[in-house]
Every structure is written in structure tokens, then in C-alpha cells.
Amino acid sequence: MVSKHRPTGNEGTFRSLFLWFMLVLCPTLSHAGEGVFLSCNDALQLGRASSGVASPRSSYWSYMNPAAMVDLERRFDVNLYNVYDRFKLKPRGLLGNRLDGTLVSEGLFPIATASMVWPLETGVLGGGIFIPSGSGVEYPHSRNILSRIFHGNGDRRMALQHIRGVLSYAYAFDNGWALGLGLHLSVTRFRADHLTLSLATAAYDNQWDTAYGAGFDVGVYRRWERFAVGANYTSRHWMESMKKYGDLLSSPLDMPHSLQVGIAYKIRPTVEITADYRWLLWEEVKAYGSSIFNGGGFGWKDQHGLKLGVEWQVGEKWTLMAGYAYSNSPIRENGVFLAGLAPVIFEHHLTAGLSYKINEKHAVHVAFGGAPKHQLQESGGGDLLSILGRGTKVEVSAISAALGYSFFW
């Protein structure tokens, strides 16, 4: 039975404020680059393809690697990240809807974030409001033939929005190493008319549901004259269950453990290269890593990613950036039909950007990214949905742009 609990008093006020921030900062669907994680939240991060765990550039590093904040001045950063993506789904097999041809979902989606770094007499404090993950599609017609004919054109929409508040602290030891700790609190919204195991669409039929979550991260960092190293471990982000979608989700939509390690090296005083490795442990989260018939999950596999970046300081005011990132798709070839409403199969990303320091207090930044077309086809070698949806194809592509502003004092 679905809970009818309604928060009152302080609890209701707290939740209302969280939802207000969600509506302001994440007004539409947000779309993913690594599983349900976005490629970036910050122009200075996007410019180098999200590398730089050992090379801090903005207060976004209070989330990316809090230890690296020890090399940042007092600052406030705001960013607007815009993504235009295009998903093409061609249903096939006995269950696929062939009546409407290729289904297309596309749109432009703005995402705003804000963060700050504040050096103290002992250590550095930082944090902000970020939108690290989200995903969603809205096709014009059902993915499967049963919903197309009998269930009012359902099984065509799904959206996930995840906003996270972060408070971090960093301390530099006398030996040059720095340690950082961060507390993460979140609110997540979810809705879908996804097909359930009963072969009917979800009972709440694309109504929003909300869950709250928490987690933490731990980072280390050290810089020498030309070389730097950094690493950040982010814990599993534990979430409440979605109360309305018990017929679809058998477990909470926790975010996985992740680890990002990297190096930075100045090949010249004005040119620095960065190289990072990132590991996302989707297989340990039941909602993502288990199979749909044995745990109610999506059957995702872990992701391993490589991020490369280069930065060139041109004079005192201009900085140029470029980067490349690769991460394997979490979706297996025998899970393509199931993933039709969450087709996060992006693998390659190319980025470029520039930064201009107006004066001692103000700087502006812009960066661009592109994910070339990538396609997967259902092999039919998995569970029942895989067999019934054999031959289904998914194709994705995306372009993005981030505009940032920094204030120093």
C-alpha cells in the first residue's frame, strides 16, 4: 500500500525549500554523460573534459576533490550548463512497437549551479548546490506494442532529476599533502510510465515522486613545482525509496560508489596537461546493477573512464582549454530494449573552452562539448524482455555549452 504521509511543520518547510531549489536550478530534464551522471557542472571543468582532480580551477572542486581547495583563493562561481541531446529508438522484436517507426526524443536543457570557496585561518571551507546527475526521454509513442494498443500510449517517458548540496573542508599538512572531506545531501525527483513486470505501465503514470539522500566523499591532493596528484572517493549516496513507484522500482535509486584519480603536469610554465581515471560501481547498486527479473534492476555494468585535458595560459588574462574523455557504456548489448527509456550509452566526449580574467575580481568562462553519435542493438541474448525486444536499436548524440562567472575577493 502506498504511504499517505504528508510532512508538517519544520519537516514540511525543509522539504518545500529543497523542492523550490530543484525547480529553480533544474527546471527541465537533465541528461547524462556517464550513466546518469552529467558530463559537467562547471565551464572550467568541461573545458578539460572533466579531468583535473589534481588541478583545481573553481569552487566546483569542493565536489570534485575537496582536498584541492587548499590551492584556491576566496571565490564564488555560478555556471549555466546547456545540453542539446537527441535519442533515436527503433523498437523491434515481438514486443517492440513497429507501428510508429523510429521514435525520437530531443531538446535543449539548461542546468544552473552555484558554489563558493572560503579560506579560514585553519583550513579551507567550500561547497555549493550542484546537479551531478539526471536522465530522461519523452518519445511521441509507446516503445512496446502492448502499451501502444492497450495502455493509452504509455511506456514512452521517464525522467530523473538529482540535486545535491555539498559542504566540504580541506586541510593542508606541513608535509605538503592535503586532505578533504565533504558531506552530501540531496533531493531526487523521478517519474515514468515505464513498462512493469506485469506488462502494464507504472500505476502512477508519469507523476513526480521525491526521495531524499545523503553520502560523503574523501579527497587527497599534493602539488610540487611542476607535478601534482589527486584522488577523490565518493561514497554510495543512500536514497529513500520512491513511494509511488513500488510496482516499478524494487529498491532505492542509490547513486554508486565512485573513485577518480589523476595527475597534472606542467610541460611548460604556461601549459599543463591532466589525465584522470574514473570508476563508477553500478553493479553494487541493486536498482541499476541487478537484472530486472532477479532484483528489479536495469542490468548495468561498472564504468571505467579516461579523461585527458590540456590548458594553455595565454598572457595574464586568457586561458585556452581542450579535452577528450572516454567511458564505456553501462548498458549491455542484451539490455538495450530495457534501456530504451534510459538510453545512456554515450562513450566519447570532445571539449574545448576559454577563460578571460576581466580584472582582479571578475572572470568569465565558456566551454563546449560534443558526444558523437553512438549506437547499440539489442542482441536478444538476455532475459525475457531482451528476447522479446531482439533487434531494437538505440542511437544517441549530444552537444553542450557551459557559461561561467567567477567573483574573487
Protein backbone atom coordinates (compact mmCIF):
# COMPACT_ATOMS: atom_id res chain seq x y z
CA MET A 1 0.00 0.00 0.00
CA VAL A 2 1.33 3.44 -0.90
CA SER A 3 2.08 5.69 2.07
CA LYS A 4 -0.17 8.76 2.50
CA HIS A 5 2.21 10.52 4.93
CA ARG A 6 2.31 14.28 4.47
CA PRO A 7 5.11 16.24 6.19
CA THR A 8 4.12 19.06 8.52
CA GLY A 9 5.85 21.81 10.49
CA ASN A 10 9.64 22.10 10.16
CA GLU A 11 9.85 18.93 8.09
CA GLY A 12 7.39 20.29 5.56
CA THR A 13 9.21 23.65 5.37
CA PHE A 14 12.59 21.95 4.83
CA ARG A 15 11.23 19.76 2.06
CA SER A 16 9.43 22.67 0.41
CA LEU A 17 12.69 24.68 0.28
CA PHE A 18 14.53 21.71 -1.25
CA LEU A 19 11.85 21.34 -3.92
CA TRP A 20 11.91 25.07 -4.63
CA PHE A 21 15.66 24.89 -5.30
CA MET A 22 15.04 21.89 -7.55
CA LEU A 23 12.51 23.77 -9.65
CA VAL A 24 14.76 26.86 -9.97
CA LEU A 25 18.06 25.10 -10.73
CA CYS A 26 16.79 22.11 -12.68
CA PRO A 27 13.59 23.20 -14.44
CA THR A 28 13.64 20.50 -17.14
CA LEU A 29 15.06 17.08 -17.73
CA SER A 30 18.80 16.89 -17.30
CA HIS A 31 20.76 14.43 -19.36
CA ALA A 32 23.65 12.18 -18.65
CA GLY A 33 27.22 11.60 -19.80
CA GLU A 34 28.37 8.72 -17.53
CA GLY A 35 25.42 6.53 -16.65
CA VAL A 36 23.01 9.02 -15.06
CA PHE A 37 25.89 11.37 -14.19
CA LEU A 38 26.25 14.56 -16.22
CA SER A 39 29.44 15.35 -18.10
CA CYS A 40 29.95 18.56 -16.14
CA ASN A 41 28.50 21.31 -13.96
CA ASP A 42 31.24 23.91 -14.49
CA ALA A 43 32.77 25.58 -17.56
CA LEU A 44 36.33 25.24 -16.23
CA GLN A 45 35.69 21.54 -15.66
CA LEU A 46 34.07 20.94 -19.05
CA GLY A 47 36.88 22.70 -20.94
CA ARG A 48 39.29 19.90 -19.99
CA ALA A 49 36.77 17.07 -20.43
CA SER A 50 36.08 16.82 -16.68
CA SER A 51 39.71 15.96 -15.93
CA GLY A 52 41.71 17.80 -13.27
CA VAL A 53 41.14 16.05 -9.95
CA ALA A 54 44.78 17.12 -9.34
CA SER A 55 44.36 20.59 -10.88
CA PRO A 56 41.70 22.78 -9.15
CA ARG A 57 40.29 25.76 -11.04
CA SER A 58 36.98 26.73 -9.40
CA SER A 59 34.84 26.12 -6.33
CA TYR A 60 33.29 23.16 -8.19
CA TRP A 61 36.32 21.28 -6.83
CA SER A 62 34.61 21.33 -3.42
CA TYR A 63 32.62 18.48 -5.01
CA MET A 64 35.18 17.05 -7.45
CA ASN A 65 38.08 16.85 -4.94
CA PRO A 66 37.67 18.85 -1.71
CA ALA A 67 41.35 18.45 -0.77
CA ALA A 68 42.36 20.52 -3.81
CA MET A 69 40.57 23.58 -2.37
CA VAL A 70 43.79 24.40 -0.46
CA ASP A 71 45.16 25.90 -3.71
CA LEU A 72 42.12 28.12 -4.36
CA GLU A 73 41.51 31.70 -3.31
CA ARG A 74 38.29 33.05 -1.84
CA ARG A 75 35.77 32.93 -4.69
CA PHE A 76 32.17 32.49 -5.78
CA ASP A 77 31.26 30.69 -9.02
CA VAL A 78 27.99 30.39 -10.93
CA ASN A 79 27.51 28.31 -14.06
CA LEU A 80 24.81 27.66 -16.62
CA TYR A 81 25.23 24.36 -18.44
CA ASN A 82 23.10 23.76 -21.54
CA VAL A 83 22.70 20.38 -23.21
CA TYR A 84 21.04 19.59 -26.52
CA ASP A 85 20.65 15.85 -26.96
CA ARG A 86 18.92 13.56 -29.40
CA PHE A 87 17.79 9.98 -28.75
CA LYS A 88 16.54 7.70 -31.52
CA LEU A 89 14.83 4.41 -30.62
CA LYS A 90 13.89 1.84 -33.26
CA PRO A 91 11.80 -0.85 -31.46
CA ARG A 92 11.97 -4.38 -32.85
CA GLY A 93 11.21 -7.95 -31.79
CA LEU A 94 7.88 -9.43 -30.79
CA LEU A 95 7.35 -6.76 -28.11
CA GLY A 96 8.61 -3.70 -29.98
CA ASN A 97 6.18 -1.13 -31.36
CA ARG A 98 6.70 -1.09 -35.14
CA LEU A 99 3.58 0.95 -35.92
CA ASP A 100 5.24 4.34 -35.44
CA GLY A 101 8.68 3.76 -36.95
CA THR A 102 11.73 5.32 -35.29
CA LEU A 103 10.92 7.20 -32.06
CA VAL A 104 12.82 10.44 -31.42
CA SER A 105 13.31 12.39 -28.18
CA GLU A 106 15.28 15.64 -28.31
CA GLY A 107 15.52 19.03 -26.64
CA LEU A 108 17.62 21.77 -25.07
CA PHE A 109 18.03 21.55 -21.29
CA PRO A 110 19.53 24.29 -19.02
CA ILE A 111 21.16 23.42 -15.68
CA ALA A 112 22.33 26.09 -13.17
CA THR A 113 24.76 25.66 -10.26
CA ALA A 114 26.42 27.89 -7.66
CA SER A 115 29.39 27.30 -5.31
CA MET A 116 31.93 29.02 -3.08
CA VAL A 117 35.40 28.57 -1.53
CA TRP A 118 36.29 30.39 1.70
CA PRO A 119 39.83 30.04 3.18
CA LEU A 120 39.88 30.03 7.00
CA GLU A 121 42.67 30.67 9.49
CA THR A 122 42.99 26.88 9.63
CA GLY A 123 41.92 25.04 6.52
CA VAL A 124 39.50 25.88 3.73
CA LEU A 125 35.71 25.70 3.65
CA GLY A 126 33.75 25.20 0.44
CA GLY A 127 30.59 23.86 -1.08
CA GLY A 128 27.61 24.63 -3.23
CA ILE A 129 24.48 23.39 -4.93
CA PHE A 130 25.21 21.07 -7.83
CA ILE A 131 23.27 18.87 -10.24
CA PRO A 132 25.62 15.93 -10.80
CA SER A 133 23.15 13.54 -12.39
CA GLY A 134 19.90 13.20 -14.30
CA SER A 135 18.40 11.46 -17.29
CA GLY A 136 15.19 11.23 -19.25
CA VAL A 137 13.37 10.86 -22.55
CA GLU A 138 9.94 11.66 -23.91
CA TYR A 139 9.06 9.81 -27.10
CA PRO A 140 5.86 10.59 -29.02
CA HIS A 141 4.67 6.97 -28.93
CA SER A 142 4.98 3.78 -26.88
CA ARG A 143 8.12 1.71 -27.00
CA ASN A 144 6.18 -1.59 -26.89
CA ILE A 145 3.19 -2.76 -28.89
CA LEU A 146 1.05 -3.72 -25.86
CA SER A 147 1.17 -0.23 -24.38
CA ARG A 148 0.62 1.29 -27.82
CA ILE A 149 -2.64 -0.61 -28.29
CA PHE A 150 -4.00 -1.33 -24.79
CA HIS A 151 -2.44 1.11 -22.28
CA GLY A 152 -3.13 4.56 -23.68
CA ASN A 153 0.23 5.14 -25.38
CA GLY A 154 2.24 4.59 -22.19
CA ASP A 155 5.82 3.29 -21.84
CA ARG A 156 7.35 6.30 -23.59
CA ARG A 157 8.52 8.72 -20.83
CA MET A 158 10.95 8.70 -17.93
CA ALA A 159 12.80 11.46 -16.05
CA LEU A 160 15.30 11.56 -13.18
CA GLN A 161 16.46 14.85 -11.59
CA HIS A 162 19.06 14.83 -8.81
CA ILE A 163 20.21 17.98 -7.00
CA ARG A 164 22.92 17.85 -4.35
CA GLY A 165 24.05 20.25 -1.64
CA VAL A 166 27.71 19.88 -0.66
CA LEU A 167 29.66 21.21 2.35
CA SER A 168 33.42 20.49 2.28
CA TYR A 169 36.53 21.17 4.37
CA ALA A 170 40.20 20.86 3.39
CA TYR A 171 43.36 20.95 5.46
CA ALA A 172 46.99 21.18 4.25
CA PHE A 173 49.60 19.36 6.33
CA ASP A 174 53.17 20.55 6.83
CA ASN A 175 54.49 17.81 4.51
CA GLY A 176 52.61 19.30 1.53
CA TRP A 177 49.75 16.80 1.40
CA ALA A 178 46.15 17.96 1.79
CA LEU A 179 43.09 16.05 2.97
CA GLY A 180 39.50 16.99 2.18
CA LEU A 181 36.13 15.78 3.48
CA GLY A 182 32.67 16.51 2.13
CA LEU A 183 29.09 15.95 3.29
CA HIS A 184 26.47 15.48 0.54
CA LEU A 185 22.70 15.90 0.94
CA SER A 186 20.31 15.51 -1.96
CA VAL A 187 16.78 15.54 -3.27
CA THR A 188 15.80 13.41 -6.28
CA ARG A 189 12.67 13.58 -8.40
CA PHE A 190 11.53 10.70 -10.58
CA ARG A 191 8.60 9.99 -12.87
CA ALA A 192 7.81 7.37 -15.52
CA ASP A 193 5.16 5.48 -17.39
CA HIS A 194 7.66 2.63 -17.82
CA LEU A 195 6.59 -0.93 -18.54
CA THR A 196 6.44 -3.10 -15.38
CA LEU A 197 6.90 -6.86 -14.97
CA SER A 198 3.14 -7.27 -15.27
CA LEU A 199 3.50 -5.86 -18.83
CA ALA A 200 1.38 -2.84 -17.84
CA THR A 201 2.64 0.72 -17.44
CA ALA A 202 3.54 2.09 -14.00
CA ALA A 203 0.41 2.77 -11.94
CA TYR A 204 1.27 6.41 -11.18
CA ASP A 205 1.64 7.09 -14.91
CA ASN A 206 4.42 9.69 -15.05
CA GLN A 207 3.58 11.58 -11.84
CA TRP A 208 6.52 13.10 -9.96
CA ASP A 209 7.80 11.34 -6.82
CA THR A 210 10.52 12.62 -4.49
CA ALA A 211 13.23 10.99 -2.35
CA TYR A 212 15.99 12.38 -0.12
CA GLY A 213 19.52 11.07 0.25
CA ALA A 214 22.95 11.51 1.82
CA GLY A 215 26.57 10.50 1.32
CA PHE A 216 30.14 11.75 1.71
CA ASP A 217 33.47 11.99 -0.07
CA VAL A 218 37.16 11.97 0.88
CA GLY A 219 39.92 13.51 -1.21
CA VAL A 220 43.73 13.82 -1.15
CA TYR A 221 45.95 16.21 -3.07
CA ARG A 222 49.54 17.33 -3.38
CA ARG A 223 51.31 19.72 -5.72
CA TRP A 224 55.02 20.05 -6.36
CA GLU A 225 56.64 22.68 -8.60
CA ARG A 226 55.50 21.14 -11.91
CA PHE A 227 53.68 17.96 -10.92
CA ALA A 228 50.52 17.25 -8.90
CA VAL A 229 48.49 14.22 -7.86
CA GLY A 230 44.93 13.94 -6.58
CA ALA A 231 42.27 11.40 -5.78
CA ASN A 232 38.68 11.51 -4.59
CA TYR A 233 36.49 8.69 -3.29
CA THR A 234 32.75 9.38 -3.22
CA SER A 235 30.65 7.04 -1.10
CA ARG A 236 27.46 5.38 -2.17
CA HIS A 237 24.73 8.00 -1.97
CA TRP A 238 21.95 6.38 0.04
CA MET A 239 18.42 7.30 -1.02
CA GLU A 240 14.89 6.86 0.28
CA SER A 241 12.60 4.62 -1.73
CA MET A 242 10.25 6.21 -4.24
CA LYS A 243 6.87 5.71 -2.58
CA LYS A 244 4.73 5.93 -5.72
CA TYR A 245 6.69 3.50 -7.89
CA GLY A 246 6.72 0.28 -5.90
CA ASP A 247 5.38 -1.56 -8.96
CA LEU A 248 8.40 -0.44 -10.99
CA LEU A 249 11.32 0.07 -8.57
CA SER A 250 12.06 -2.72 -6.09
CA SER A 251 14.85 -0.76 -4.34
CA PRO A 252 16.01 2.86 -3.83
CA LEU A 253 17.75 4.72 -6.65
CA ASP A 254 21.05 4.98 -4.76
CA MET A 255 24.00 6.59 -6.55
CA PRO A 256 27.07 4.33 -6.76
CA HIS A 257 30.50 4.50 -5.15
CA SER A 258 32.96 6.26 -7.41
CA LEU A 259 36.71 6.84 -7.50
CA GLN A 260 38.59 9.42 -9.54
CA VAL A 261 42.39 9.62 -9.51
CA GLY A 262 44.61 11.80 -11.63
CA ILE A 263 47.82 13.66 -12.29
CA ALA A 264 48.68 17.11 -13.60
CA TYR A 265 51.99 18.10 -15.17
CA LYS A 266 53.27 21.45 -16.41
CA ILE A 267 55.21 20.73 -19.58
CA ARG A 268 55.91 24.47 -19.71
CA PRO A 269 55.16 27.18 -17.11
CA THR A 270 52.09 28.17 -19.14
CA VAL A 271 50.96 24.73 -20.38
CA GLU A 272 49.55 21.97 -18.16
CA ILE A 273 48.24 18.54 -19.10
CA THR A 274 45.88 16.47 -16.93
CA ALA A 275 44.99 12.79 -17.00
CA ASP A 276 42.31 11.17 -14.82
CA TYR A 277 40.80 7.73 -14.38
CA ARG A 278 37.24 7.32 -13.05
CA TRP A 279 35.47 4.19 -11.84
CA LEU A 280 31.70 4.03 -11.24
CA LEU A 281 30.41 0.90 -9.43
CA TRP A 282 26.91 0.48 -10.84
CA GLU A 283 26.92 -3.29 -10.28
CA GLU A 284 26.82 -2.82 -6.49
CA VAL A 285 23.57 -0.82 -6.61
CA LYS A 286 20.58 -3.14 -6.87
CA ALA A 287 18.38 -0.66 -8.75
CA TYR A 288 20.95 -0.39 -11.52
CA GLY A 289 23.19 -3.47 -11.40
CA SER A 290 20.76 -6.36 -10.84
CA SER A 291 18.73 -7.94 -13.63
CA ILE A 292 15.09 -6.96 -13.99
CA PHE A 293 13.83 -10.48 -13.16
CA ASN A 294 16.32 -11.04 -10.33
CA GLY A 295 16.34 -7.82 -8.34
CA GLY A 296 14.27 -5.42 -10.42
CA GLY A 297 17.27 -3.55 -11.83
CA PHE A 298 18.48 -2.48 -15.26
CA GLY A 299 21.43 -4.90 -15.54
CA TRP A 300 24.09 -2.16 -15.84
CA LYS A 301 27.81 -2.88 -15.63
CA ASP A 302 30.54 -0.80 -13.98
CA GLN A 303 32.06 2.07 -15.93
CA HIS A 304 35.75 2.79 -16.42
CA GLY A 305 36.66 6.17 -17.84
CA LEU A 306 39.75 8.04 -19.03
CA LYS A 307 39.81 11.86 -19.13
CA LEU A 308 42.58 13.90 -20.77
CA GLY A 309 42.93 17.67 -20.76
CA VAL A 310 45.31 20.46 -21.71
CA GLU A 311 45.34 24.08 -20.56
CA TRP A 312 47.36 26.95 -22.04
CA GLN A 313 47.66 30.32 -20.32
CA VAL A 314 47.98 33.00 -22.99
CA GLY A 315 49.21 36.12 -21.28
CA GLU A 316 47.77 37.30 -17.97
CA LYS A 317 44.09 37.27 -18.95
CA TRP A 318 43.35 34.45 -21.40
CA THR A 319 43.35 30.68 -20.84
CA LEU A 320 42.58 28.11 -23.54
CA MET A 321 41.42 24.54 -22.78
CA ALA A 322 40.73 21.30 -24.64
CA GLY A 323 39.98 17.71 -23.66
CA TYR A 324 38.87 14.21 -24.56
CA ALA A 325 37.04 11.67 -22.40
CA TYR A 326 36.05 8.06 -22.92
CA SER A 327 33.89 5.88 -20.69
CA ASN A 328 32.33 2.54 -21.61
CA SER A 329 28.55 2.38 -21.76
CA PRO A 330 26.98 0.85 -18.63
CA ILE A 331 24.32 -0.77 -20.82
CA ARG A 332 24.99 -4.27 -22.11
CA GLU A 333 24.06 -5.46 -25.60
CA ASN A 334 21.44 -7.75 -24.03
CA GLY A 335 19.84 -4.83 -22.18
CA VAL A 336 19.17 -2.37 -24.99
CA PHE A 337 15.39 -2.84 -25.17
CA LEU A 338 15.07 -2.42 -21.39
CA ALA A 339 17.23 0.72 -21.56
CA GLY A 340 15.03 2.37 -24.19
CA LEU A 341 13.74 4.95 -21.68
CA ALA A 342 17.19 5.50 -20.14
CA PRO A 343 19.49 5.12 -23.18
CA VAL A 344 22.67 6.46 -21.52
CA ILE A 345 25.11 4.84 -23.96
CA PHE A 346 27.37 7.89 -24.53
CA GLU A 347 31.05 6.88 -24.68
CA HIS A 348 33.22 9.58 -26.34
CA HIS A 349 33.32 13.29 -25.47
CA LEU A 350 35.35 16.11 -27.08
CA THR A 351 35.55 19.51 -25.37
CA ALA A 352 37.14 22.95 -25.70
CA GLY A 353 36.90 26.19 -23.78
CA LEU A 354 38.40 29.53 -22.85
CA SER A 355 38.56 31.77 -19.80
CA TYR A 356 39.03 35.52 -19.59
CA LYS A 357 40.07 37.35 -16.42
CA ILE A 358 38.44 40.77 -16.65
CA ASN A 359 40.29 42.15 -13.61
CA GLU A 360 41.33 41.08 -10.13
CA LYS A 361 37.72 40.45 -9.06
CA HIS A 362 35.89 39.15 -12.11
CA ALA A 363 36.37 36.38 -14.69
CA VAL A 364 34.15 34.75 -17.30
CA HIS A 365 34.44 31.32 -18.87
CA VAL A 366 32.85 29.42 -21.74
CA ALA A 367 33.25 25.80 -22.82
CA PHE A 368 31.74 23.49 -25.43
CA GLY A 369 31.40 19.73 -25.63
CA GLY A 370 30.18 17.12 -28.05
CA ALA A 371 29.29 13.44 -27.80
CA PRO A 372 29.40 11.90 -31.31
CA LYS A 373 26.67 9.50 -32.43
CA HIS A 374 26.80 6.12 -30.75
CA GLN A 375 24.52 3.14 -31.37
CA LEU A 376 23.71 -0.15 -29.68
CA GLN A 377 21.48 -3.01 -30.87
CA GLU A 378 19.61 -5.49 -28.68
CA SER A 379 21.26 -8.91 -29.00
CA GLY A 380 18.30 -10.90 -27.62
CA GLY A 381 20.68 -12.96 -25.52
CA GLY A 382 19.45 -11.87 -22.09
CA ASP A 383 16.23 -12.11 -20.10
CA LEU A 384 12.68 -12.31 -21.44
CA LEU A 385 12.49 -8.61 -22.35
CA SER A 386 15.78 -8.98 -24.21
CA ILE A 387 14.41 -11.94 -26.18
CA LEU A 388 11.10 -10.21 -26.96
CA GLY A 389 12.86 -6.97 -27.99
CA ARG A 390 15.61 -8.51 -30.11
CA GLY A 391 16.91 -6.19 -32.82
CA THR A 392 15.88 -2.94 -31.09
CA LYS A 393 18.34 -0.13 -31.83
CA VAL A 394 19.24 2.96 -29.80
CA GLU A 395 21.27 5.89 -31.15
CA VAL A 396 22.36 8.91 -29.10
CA SER A 397 24.25 12.16 -29.68
CA ALA A 398 24.64 15.43 -27.79
CA ILE A 399 26.25 18.86 -27.83
CA SER A 400 26.66 21.12 -24.82
CA ALA A 401 27.86 24.54 -23.74
CA ALA A 402 28.70 25.96 -20.31
CA LEU A 403 28.90 29.63 -19.37
CA GLY A 404 30.56 30.52 -16.07
CA TYR A 405 31.26 33.59 -13.98
CA SER A 406 33.71 33.90 -11.05
CA PHE A 407 33.95 36.61 -8.40
CA PHE A 408 37.07 36.93 -6.22
CA TRP A 409 37.50 38.90 -3.04
